[in-house]
Amino acid sequence: MALNDVSLTAGMRSNLLSLQNTVKLLDRTQERLSTGKKVNTAIDNPVSFFAAQSLNSRASVIDSLKDAMGQAVQTVKAADKGITAITAMIEQAKGIAQSALSAPADSGQDTGTITLTQIDVDDVINIGGITFTAVTTAPAATGQFLASGNSLIDTISLAAAINDQDWSGEVAAFSATVKDGVLSISKTDNTTNEVVDVVAGDFSYTPNGGGVATMAVTESTSGELASLQAQFNTMLQQIDDLAADSGYKGKNLLAAAVMTVKFEGSHTLDVQGFDASTAGLSIGAAAWATEAAIDASIVELDNAAVTLRSEASKLSGNLSIITVRQDFSDNMINTLTEGADKLTLADTNEEGANMLMLQTRQSLSTTALSLSAQAAQSVLRLFG
């Protein structure tokens, strides 16, 4: 219908316009009450709308970073649990080493070992004063062994020559066995018929033909000491396993990994891990032939414990930084959200009062419009 299709009196037009404005205000108030916001679109208030959007966007970014911080905290906690367990293992290993100090050091006999890397003709090995000479063909007499160019065959040939030797007229008798290509020599006192220690002076090597042989004395350990040594080395293996198992979601700070924790903007924190394995802590496997070797193991364990305490302190400091950052992020998110709400949220009390007033105004406008219509009808009755 066109604007001037129906003629209205000035009073009626004024009342109608007032009623239309009231309806618009009612619609706006109802929207604010239903959404809880006074700024729902950029049309309502462009400045407030985009300012609030920017604040909420920043709060969302910080919230996503806060999740990553939480995972970083768990990674540090996993490393701390690993350090605690490794420290306990080190204390146990130290107890084993201290027990080894009071264990019998030697209940067996030292043996000699010979490794033939290369033997040439005319090379001479002297054992207990008896000379054994390398020959090219199968040994034809006592005191000879084969130089074939095959170290295992040559080693077996030398062992056979030692065992075939008549030691009855000597101070001691020697016997030989071969295992994994290494020849081991044992010694028996011919007077007491008891097995005794092999010493370095019992055997020597003369490379007349230019061969290569290695000789050494292997010191024996008691059964108790050997058992403690095995326990100690098992404990070291467990330390390595603990260090390897202390990761969280693919990041292991006890394997010298570096974890970068991101904060807002370009700010980061690098958490430097360390090698908590026995190699990283400089703890060597036990080879306790002497008391000094056991003492050395104890010193290594003490040094490792100091290293663990130092690294644990560093991780604790980094954990504190991340935790403070988490709290700061929570507070900043609340501040940003509150600021955005101040720009956009409606006062429900005020809007409720507005609704009551507008409903009253609408009722009055409707009544006024009705009265204007009745006045027009009275004029019509004059023509009736």
Protein backbone atom coordinates (compact mmCIF):
# COMPACT_ATOMS: atom_id res chain seq x y z
CA MET A 1 0.00 0.00 0.00
CA ALA A 2 1.35 3.42 -0.97
CA LEU A 3 2.08 5.92 1.72
CA ASN A 4 -0.81 8.22 0.76
CA ASP A 5 -3.40 5.60 -0.23
CA VAL A 6 -5.12 6.14 3.12
CA SER A 7 -5.47 9.57 4.66
CA LEU A 8 -4.76 9.70 8.38
CA THR A 9 -5.28 12.54 10.70
CA ALA A 10 -2.24 14.21 12.16
CA GLY A 11 -3.00 12.71 15.56
CA MET A 12 -3.42 9.23 14.18
CA ARG A 13 -0.19 9.49 12.14
CA SER A 14 1.69 10.70 15.22
CA ASN A 15 0.32 7.85 17.34
CA LEU A 16 1.12 5.31 14.60
CA LEU A 17 4.72 6.52 14.31
CA SER A 18 5.12 6.35 18.07
CA LEU A 19 3.75 2.80 18.08
CA GLN A 20 6.13 1.73 15.28
CA ASN A 21 9.13 3.13 17.17
CA THR A 22 7.99 1.33 20.30
CA VAL A 23 7.79 -1.99 18.40
CA LYS A 24 11.35 -1.49 17.06
CA LEU A 25 12.62 -0.83 20.56
CA LEU A 26 10.73 -3.88 21.84
CA ASP A 27 12.36 -6.06 19.16
CA ARG A 28 15.81 -4.74 20.06
CA THR A 29 15.21 -5.27 23.78
CA GLN A 30 13.91 -8.80 23.23
CA GLU A 31 17.04 -9.64 21.18
CA ARG A 32 19.30 -8.30 23.92
CA LEU A 33 17.46 -10.29 26.57
CA SER A 34 17.56 -13.49 24.50
CA THR A 35 21.28 -13.22 23.57
CA GLY A 36 22.48 -11.43 26.68
CA LYS A 37 24.39 -9.00 24.47
CA LYS A 38 23.77 -5.41 23.58
CA VAL A 39 26.15 -5.68 20.59
CA ASN A 40 25.35 -8.72 18.46
CA THR A 41 26.56 -7.54 15.06
CA ALA A 42 28.82 -4.85 13.69
CA ILE A 43 25.67 -2.88 12.79
CA ASP A 44 24.79 -2.49 16.48
CA ASN A 45 28.12 -0.82 17.34
CA PRO A 46 31.07 -1.29 14.93
CA VAL A 47 33.74 -0.03 17.32
CA SER A 48 32.65 -2.20 20.25
CA PHE A 49 31.98 -5.24 18.05
CA PHE A 50 35.42 -5.37 16.42
CA ALA A 51 37.25 -4.44 19.63
CA ALA A 52 35.52 -7.30 21.46
CA GLN A 53 36.26 -9.67 18.56
CA SER A 54 39.97 -8.80 18.78
CA LEU A 55 40.03 -9.40 22.54
CA ASN A 56 38.25 -12.74 22.21
CA SER A 57 40.60 -13.81 19.42
CA ARG A 58 43.65 -13.11 21.59
CA ALA A 59 42.05 -15.00 24.48
CA SER A 60 41.49 -17.99 22.17
CA VAL A 61 45.15 -18.00 21.07
CA ILE A 62 46.37 -17.90 24.67
CA ASP A 63 43.98 -20.71 25.58
CA SER A 64 45.41 -22.94 22.84
CA LEU A 65 48.95 -22.18 24.05
CA LYS A 66 47.87 -23.01 27.59
CA ASP A 67 47.01 -26.54 26.46
CA ALA A 68 50.54 -26.96 25.09
CA MET A 69 51.94 -25.66 28.38
CA GLY A 70 49.97 -28.34 30.21
CA GLN A 71 51.57 -31.02 28.03
CA ALA A 72 55.00 -29.50 28.68
CA VAL A 73 54.36 -29.73 32.42
CA GLN A 74 53.58 -33.43 32.02
CA THR A 75 56.82 -33.96 30.07
CA VAL A 76 58.86 -32.35 32.85
CA LYS A 77 56.99 -34.38 35.47
CA ALA A 78 57.76 -37.60 33.57
CA ALA A 79 61.45 -36.69 33.56
CA ASP A 80 61.31 -35.91 37.28
CA LYS A 81 59.75 -39.31 38.00
CA GLY A 82 62.54 -40.89 35.98
CA ILE A 83 65.22 -39.01 37.94
CA THR A 84 63.66 -40.12 41.22
CA ALA A 85 63.67 -43.76 40.11
CA ILE A 86 67.22 -43.58 38.74
CA THR A 87 68.42 -41.98 41.98
CA ALA A 88 66.92 -44.89 43.91
CA MET A 89 68.67 -47.33 41.56
CA ILE A 90 71.98 -45.57 42.11
CA GLU A 91 71.58 -45.86 45.87
CA GLN A 92 70.93 -49.58 45.49
CA ALA A 93 73.94 -49.98 43.20
CA LYS A 94 76.07 -48.13 45.73
CA GLY A 95 74.90 -50.53 48.44
CA ILE A 96 75.96 -53.46 46.25
CA ALA A 97 79.38 -51.90 45.67
CA GLN A 98 79.86 -51.30 49.38
CA SER A 99 78.96 -54.93 50.06
CA ALA A 100 81.57 -55.95 47.51
CA LEU A 101 84.26 -54.21 49.59
CA SER A 102 83.79 -56.80 52.33
CA ALA A 103 83.43 -59.79 49.99
CA PRO A 104 86.38 -62.22 49.58
CA ALA A 105 88.44 -60.88 46.72
CA ASP A 106 89.98 -64.13 45.49
CA SER A 107 88.93 -67.72 45.94
CA GLY A 108 90.17 -69.07 42.63
CA GLN A 109 93.34 -69.03 40.61
CA ASP A 110 94.46 -66.53 38.03
CA THR A 111 94.75 -67.88 34.50
CA GLY A 112 96.73 -66.82 31.47
CA THR A 113 95.20 -66.02 28.09
CA ILE A 114 96.87 -66.06 24.68
CA THR A 115 95.31 -64.63 21.54
CA LEU A 116 97.10 -65.51 18.28
CA THR A 117 96.28 -62.78 15.77
CA GLN A 118 98.92 -63.91 13.28
CA ILE A 119 101.63 -66.56 13.68
CA ASP A 120 104.56 -66.97 11.30
CA VAL A 121 107.11 -69.74 11.03
CA ASP A 122 109.82 -69.69 13.70
CA ASP A 123 107.75 -67.57 16.07
CA VAL A 124 108.38 -68.81 19.61
CA ILE A 125 106.06 -68.97 22.61
CA ASN A 126 107.66 -69.83 25.96
CA ILE A 127 105.47 -71.33 28.67
CA GLY A 128 106.89 -72.32 32.05
CA GLY A 129 110.39 -72.45 30.59
CA ILE A 130 109.38 -74.73 27.69
CA THR A 131 109.73 -73.38 24.16
CA PHE A 132 107.00 -73.93 21.55
CA THR A 133 108.05 -73.13 17.98
CA ALA A 134 105.73 -72.48 15.03
CA VAL A 135 106.21 -74.78 12.00
CA THR A 136 104.61 -74.90 8.56
CA THR A 137 103.53 -78.54 8.50
CA ALA A 138 101.82 -80.68 11.10
CA PRO A 139 103.97 -80.71 14.26
CA ALA A 140 106.35 -83.70 14.15
CA ALA A 141 107.77 -83.33 17.64
CA THR A 142 106.91 -81.96 21.04
CA GLY A 143 107.41 -78.24 21.45
CA GLN A 144 106.01 -77.51 17.97
CA PHE A 145 102.69 -76.02 16.84
CA LEU A 146 101.19 -75.17 13.48
CA ALA A 147 101.52 -71.80 11.72
CA SER A 148 98.86 -72.12 9.03
CA GLY A 149 97.66 -68.55 8.66
CA ASN A 150 94.38 -69.50 10.37
CA SER A 151 94.44 -68.11 13.91
CA LEU A 152 91.85 -70.58 15.24
CA ILE A 153 93.70 -73.62 13.84
CA ASP A 154 96.99 -72.25 15.12
CA THR A 155 95.49 -71.65 18.58
CA ILE A 156 94.12 -75.21 18.73
CA SER A 157 97.50 -76.57 17.60
CA LEU A 158 99.31 -74.61 20.35
CA ALA A 159 96.85 -75.85 22.99
CA ALA A 160 97.43 -79.44 21.87
CA ALA A 161 101.20 -78.95 22.06
CA ILE A 162 100.93 -77.57 25.62
CA ASN A 163 98.72 -80.44 26.75
CA ASP A 164 100.99 -83.06 25.08
CA GLN A 165 104.09 -81.66 26.77
CA ASP A 166 105.65 -83.75 29.57
CA TRP A 167 105.69 -81.40 32.55
CA SER A 168 106.74 -83.99 35.15
CA GLY A 169 110.28 -82.70 35.43
CA GLU A 170 109.24 -79.07 35.76
CA VAL A 171 108.31 -76.99 38.80
CA ALA A 172 104.76 -76.66 37.53
CA ALA A 173 102.58 -78.24 34.91
CA PHE A 174 100.51 -76.22 32.45
CA SER A 175 97.35 -77.14 30.61
CA ALA A 176 95.38 -75.28 27.96
CA THR A 177 91.82 -74.93 26.66
CA VAL A 178 90.41 -72.95 23.71
CA LYS A 179 87.15 -71.00 23.75
CA ASP A 180 86.03 -68.45 21.15
CA GLY A 181 89.50 -68.47 19.63
CA VAL A 182 91.23 -67.53 22.91
CA LEU A 183 93.64 -69.95 24.61
CA SER A 184 93.44 -70.14 28.42
CA ILE A 185 96.33 -71.54 30.47
CA SER A 186 96.05 -73.10 33.94
CA LYS A 187 98.96 -73.93 36.24
CA THR A 188 99.44 -76.78 38.75
CA ASP A 189 102.26 -76.93 41.30
CA ASN A 190 104.03 -80.29 40.76
CA THR A 191 105.14 -80.43 44.40
CA THR A 192 101.75 -79.86 46.06
CA ASN A 193 99.67 -80.92 43.07
CA GLU A 194 97.48 -77.82 43.68
CA VAL A 195 96.23 -75.38 41.09
CA VAL A 196 98.05 -72.06 41.53
CA ASP A 197 97.98 -68.60 39.96
CA VAL A 198 99.47 -68.03 36.53
CA VAL A 199 101.75 -64.99 36.58
CA ALA A 200 102.99 -62.82 33.75
CA GLY A 201 106.47 -64.36 33.93
CA ASP A 202 105.09 -67.80 33.13
CA PHE A 203 104.77 -67.09 29.42
CA SER A 204 106.31 -64.91 26.73
CA TYR A 205 106.24 -64.45 22.96
CA THR A 206 109.13 -63.93 20.53
CA PRO A 207 107.99 -62.94 17.00
CA ASN A 208 110.97 -64.30 15.07
CA GLY A 209 108.79 -64.64 12.01
CA GLY A 210 106.98 -61.32 12.48
CA GLY A 211 103.68 -62.63 13.86
CA VAL A 212 101.34 -60.98 16.38
CA ALA A 213 100.17 -62.52 19.68
CA THR A 214 98.56 -61.01 22.78
CA MET A 215 99.14 -62.39 26.28
CA ALA A 216 97.47 -61.44 29.55
CA VAL A 217 96.73 -62.68 33.06
CA THR A 218 93.06 -62.93 34.02
CA GLU A 219 92.51 -62.42 37.72
CA SER A 220 89.90 -64.59 39.37
CA THR A 221 87.13 -63.36 41.62
CA SER A 222 85.27 -65.07 44.41
CA GLY A 223 81.80 -66.44 43.82
CA GLU A 224 80.28 -63.82 46.14
CA LEU A 225 82.18 -60.97 44.51
CA ALA A 226 81.27 -62.21 41.05
CA SER A 227 77.61 -62.37 42.09
CA LEU A 228 77.69 -58.81 43.46
CA GLN A 229 79.42 -57.63 40.31
CA ALA A 230 76.69 -59.22 38.19
CA GLN A 231 73.99 -57.59 40.36
CA PHE A 232 75.71 -54.23 39.99
CA ASN A 233 75.84 -54.51 36.20
CA THR A 234 72.18 -55.57 36.11
CA MET A 235 71.33 -52.46 38.11
CA LEU A 236 73.18 -50.33 35.55
CA GLN A 237 71.13 -51.89 32.77
CA GLN A 238 67.96 -51.00 34.68
CA ILE A 239 69.16 -47.40 34.94
CA ASP A 240 69.55 -47.31 31.15
CA ASP A 241 66.06 -48.76 30.74
CA LEU A 242 64.55 -46.20 33.13
CA ALA A 243 66.21 -43.32 31.29
CA ALA A 244 64.84 -44.63 27.98
CA ASP A 245 61.32 -45.07 29.41
CA SER A 246 60.99 -41.57 30.93
CA GLY A 247 59.60 -39.85 27.85
CA TYR A 248 56.14 -38.31 27.38
CA LYS A 249 54.45 -38.14 23.98
CA GLY A 250 57.72 -38.73 22.13
CA LYS A 251 59.79 -36.21 24.11
CA ASN A 252 62.35 -37.64 26.55
CA LEU A 253 64.25 -35.07 28.60
CA LEU A 254 66.39 -37.89 30.06
CA ALA A 255 67.70 -38.64 26.57
CA ALA A 256 69.14 -35.12 26.15
CA ALA A 257 66.07 -33.88 24.23
CA VAL A 258 65.28 -30.16 24.05
CA MET A 259 61.65 -29.11 24.60
CA THR A 260 60.55 -25.68 23.37
CA VAL A 261 57.53 -24.30 25.23
CA LYS A 262 55.68 -21.55 23.33
CA PHE A 263 54.14 -18.58 25.09
CA GLU A 264 52.20 -15.65 23.61
CA GLY A 265 53.78 -13.89 20.68
CA SER A 266 57.34 -14.98 19.89
CA HIS A 267 58.22 -15.78 23.49
CA THR A 268 59.47 -19.30 24.22
CA LEU A 269 61.27 -21.32 26.87
CA ASP A 270 63.79 -24.02 25.92
CA VAL A 271 63.92 -26.84 28.46
CA GLN A 272 67.24 -28.63 28.00
CA GLY A 273 67.28 -32.30 28.90
CA PHE A 274 70.33 -34.41 29.69
CA ASP A 275 71.60 -37.94 29.16
CA ALA A 276 70.56 -39.90 32.24
CA SER A 277 71.89 -43.23 30.97
CA THR A 278 74.92 -44.81 32.63
CA ALA A 279 77.03 -43.55 29.73
CA GLY A 280 75.73 -40.02 30.19
CA LEU A 281 76.29 -40.21 33.95
CA SER A 282 79.79 -41.70 33.43
CA ILE A 283 79.06 -44.91 35.33
CA GLY A 284 81.16 -47.79 34.03
CA ALA A 285 80.36 -51.49 34.21
CA ALA A 286 81.86 -53.31 37.19
CA ALA A 287 85.17 -55.12 36.69
CA TRP A 288 86.11 -55.52 40.32
CA ALA A 289 89.48 -57.21 40.36
CA THR A 290 90.74 -54.92 43.13
CA GLU A 291 89.35 -52.89 46.00
CA ALA A 292 90.44 -49.75 44.17
CA ALA A 293 88.18 -50.70 41.26
CA ILE A 294 85.21 -51.00 43.64
CA ASP A 295 86.03 -47.63 45.20
CA ALA A 296 86.15 -46.13 41.71
CA SER A 297 82.64 -47.45 41.02
CA ILE A 298 81.37 -45.88 44.25
CA VAL A 299 82.91 -42.53 43.28
CA GLU A 300 81.21 -42.74 39.88
CA LEU A 301 77.86 -43.39 41.57
CA ASP A 302 78.34 -40.45 43.95
CA ASN A 303 79.17 -38.16 41.03
CA ALA A 304 76.13 -39.42 39.13
CA ALA A 305 73.90 -38.66 42.13
CA VAL A 306 75.26 -35.10 42.24
CA THR A 307 74.55 -34.71 38.52
CA LEU A 308 70.98 -35.96 38.96
CA ARG A 309 70.34 -33.52 41.82
CA SER A 310 71.69 -30.66 39.74
CA GLU A 311 69.61 -31.56 36.68
CA ALA A 312 66.52 -32.12 38.82
CA SER A 313 66.95 -28.61 40.21
CA LYS A 314 67.12 -27.17 36.69
CA LEU A 315 63.99 -29.04 35.65
CA SER A 316 62.22 -27.84 38.79
CA GLY A 317 63.08 -24.24 37.89
CA ASN A 318 61.72 -24.70 34.37
CA LEU A 319 58.58 -26.34 35.76
CA SER A 320 58.02 -23.32 38.01
CA ILE A 321 58.33 -20.98 35.03
CA ILE A 322 55.80 -22.96 33.00
CA THR A 323 53.39 -23.16 35.95
CA VAL A 324 53.60 -19.40 36.52
CA ARG A 325 52.98 -18.88 32.82
CA GLN A 326 49.92 -21.13 33.03
CA ASP A 327 48.48 -19.08 35.89
CA PHE A 328 49.29 -15.86 34.04
CA SER A 329 47.56 -17.21 30.92
CA ASP A 330 44.44 -18.08 32.93
CA ASN A 331 44.31 -14.59 34.41
CA MET A 332 44.97 -12.94 31.04
CA ILE A 333 42.21 -14.97 29.38
CA ASN A 334 39.80 -13.86 32.10
CA THR A 335 40.89 -10.23 31.70
CA LEU A 336 40.47 -10.30 27.92
CA THR A 337 37.11 -12.05 28.09
CA GLU A 338 35.89 -9.64 30.75
CA GLY A 339 36.99 -6.69 28.61
CA ALA A 340 35.15 -8.08 25.59
CA ASP A 341 32.04 -8.66 27.70
CA LYS A 342 32.08 -5.09 28.97
CA LEU A 343 31.91 -3.96 25.35
CA THR A 344 29.13 -6.29 24.24
CA LEU A 345 27.12 -7.72 27.15
CA ALA A 346 23.75 -6.23 27.99
CA ASP A 347 22.59 -5.26 31.48
CA THR A 348 19.69 -7.69 31.90
CA ASN A 349 18.22 -5.65 34.74
CA GLU A 350 18.19 -2.53 32.62
CA GLU A 351 16.85 -4.37 29.58
CA GLY A 352 14.13 -5.98 31.71
CA ALA A 353 13.03 -2.57 32.96
CA ASN A 354 13.10 -1.28 29.38
CA MET A 355 10.89 -4.16 28.31
CA LEU A 356 8.27 -3.33 30.95
CA MET A 357 8.33 0.36 30.03
CA LEU A 358 8.09 -0.36 26.30
CA GLN A 359 5.21 -2.76 26.82
CA THR A 360 3.41 -0.03 28.79
CA ARG A 361 4.19 2.52 26.09
CA GLN A 362 2.93 0.12 23.42
CA SER A 363 -0.32 -0.34 25.30
CA LEU A 364 -0.75 3.43 25.68
CA SER A 365 0.08 4.06 22.00
CA THR A 366 -2.44 1.44 20.94
CA THR A 367 -5.07 3.08 23.17
CA ALA A 368 -4.25 6.54 21.80
CA LEU A 369 -4.48 5.27 18.23
CA SER A 370 -7.86 3.72 19.05
CA LEU A 371 -9.11 7.02 20.48
CA SER A 372 -8.00 8.85 17.33
CA ALA A 373 -9.91 6.34 15.24
CA GLN A 374 -13.02 6.85 17.38
CA ALA A 375 -12.81 10.62 16.80
CA ALA A 376 -12.78 10.00 13.05
CA GLN A 377 -15.80 7.74 13.35
CA SER A 378 -17.68 10.52 15.22
CA VAL A 379 -17.19 12.79 12.22
CA LEU A 380 -18.66 10.11 9.96
CA ARG A 381 -21.73 9.89 12.16
CA LEU A 382 -22.45 13.58 11.40
CA PHE A 383 -23.06 12.53 7.81
CA GLY A 384 -25.24 9.65 8.82
